[in-house]
Amino acid sequence: MSSAIAALAHLGCIIFGGDWYRFLGAGEQMASLADNGDWYPSMVSSVIVLC
């Protein structure tokens, strides 16, 4: 159950961007990359969602 919640939270990061990364504690650098449209945060979150 907790794995499903974590997957949904990371999916939310991909969809909603930097504010979600900040809320979940990913760090300002990751949030800024997401806000700027960089591919890296979405790729990392996608791997987490799929695992």
Protein backbone atom coordinates (compact mmCIF):
# COMPACT_ATOMS: atom_id res chain seq x y z
CA MET A 1 0.00 0.00 0.00
CA SER A 2 2.73 2.48 0.91
CA SER A 3 4.52 1.73 -2.38
CA ALA A 4 1.40 2.71 -4.29
CA ILE A 5 1.15 5.97 -2.36
CA ALA A 6 4.81 6.74 -3.05
CA ALA A 7 4.30 6.00 -6.75
CA LEU A 8 1.29 8.32 -6.90
CA ALA A 9 3.20 11.07 -5.09
CA HIS A 10 6.03 10.86 -7.61
CA LEU A 11 3.56 10.81 -10.47
CA GLY A 12 2.15 14.02 -8.99
CA CYS A 13 5.64 15.53 -9.15
CA ILE A 14 5.84 14.77 -12.85
CA ILE A 15 2.42 16.28 -13.52
CA PHE A 16 2.43 19.29 -11.17
CA GLY A 17 6.11 20.24 -11.19
CA GLY A 18 8.41 22.05 -8.83
CA ASP A 19 5.97 22.78 -6.02
CA TRP A 20 5.39 19.06 -5.51
CA TYR A 21 9.11 18.32 -5.54
CA ARG A 22 9.57 20.99 -2.85
CA PHE A 23 6.67 19.66 -0.77
CA LEU A 24 8.05 16.12 -0.89
CA GLY A 25 11.53 17.32 0.11
CA ALA A 26 13.39 16.63 -3.13
CA GLY A 27 15.43 19.79 -2.77
CA GLU A 28 15.50 23.17 -4.43
CA GLN A 29 17.80 22.09 -7.26
CA MET A 30 15.44 19.31 -8.35
CA ALA A 31 12.43 21.63 -8.03
CA SER A 32 14.15 24.35 -10.05
CA LEU A 33 15.06 21.88 -12.78
CA ALA A 34 11.42 20.78 -12.94
CA ASP A 35 10.22 24.39 -13.07
CA ASN A 36 12.61 25.05 -15.97
CA GLY A 37 11.33 22.07 -17.95
CA ASP A 38 14.48 19.97 -17.62
CA TRP A 39 14.07 16.24 -18.35
CA TYR A 40 16.07 14.98 -15.36
CA PRO A 41 13.47 15.32 -12.56
CA SER A 42 10.78 13.64 -14.64
CA MET A 43 13.12 10.80 -15.57
CA VAL A 44 14.12 10.16 -11.95
CA SER A 45 10.49 10.28 -10.82
CA SER A 46 9.44 7.97 -13.65
CA VAL A 47 11.96 5.37 -12.54
CA ILE A 48 10.60 5.59 -8.99
CA VAL A 49 7.02 5.26 -10.24
CA LEU A 50 7.90 2.16 -12.25
CA CYS A 51 9.81 0.45 -9.44
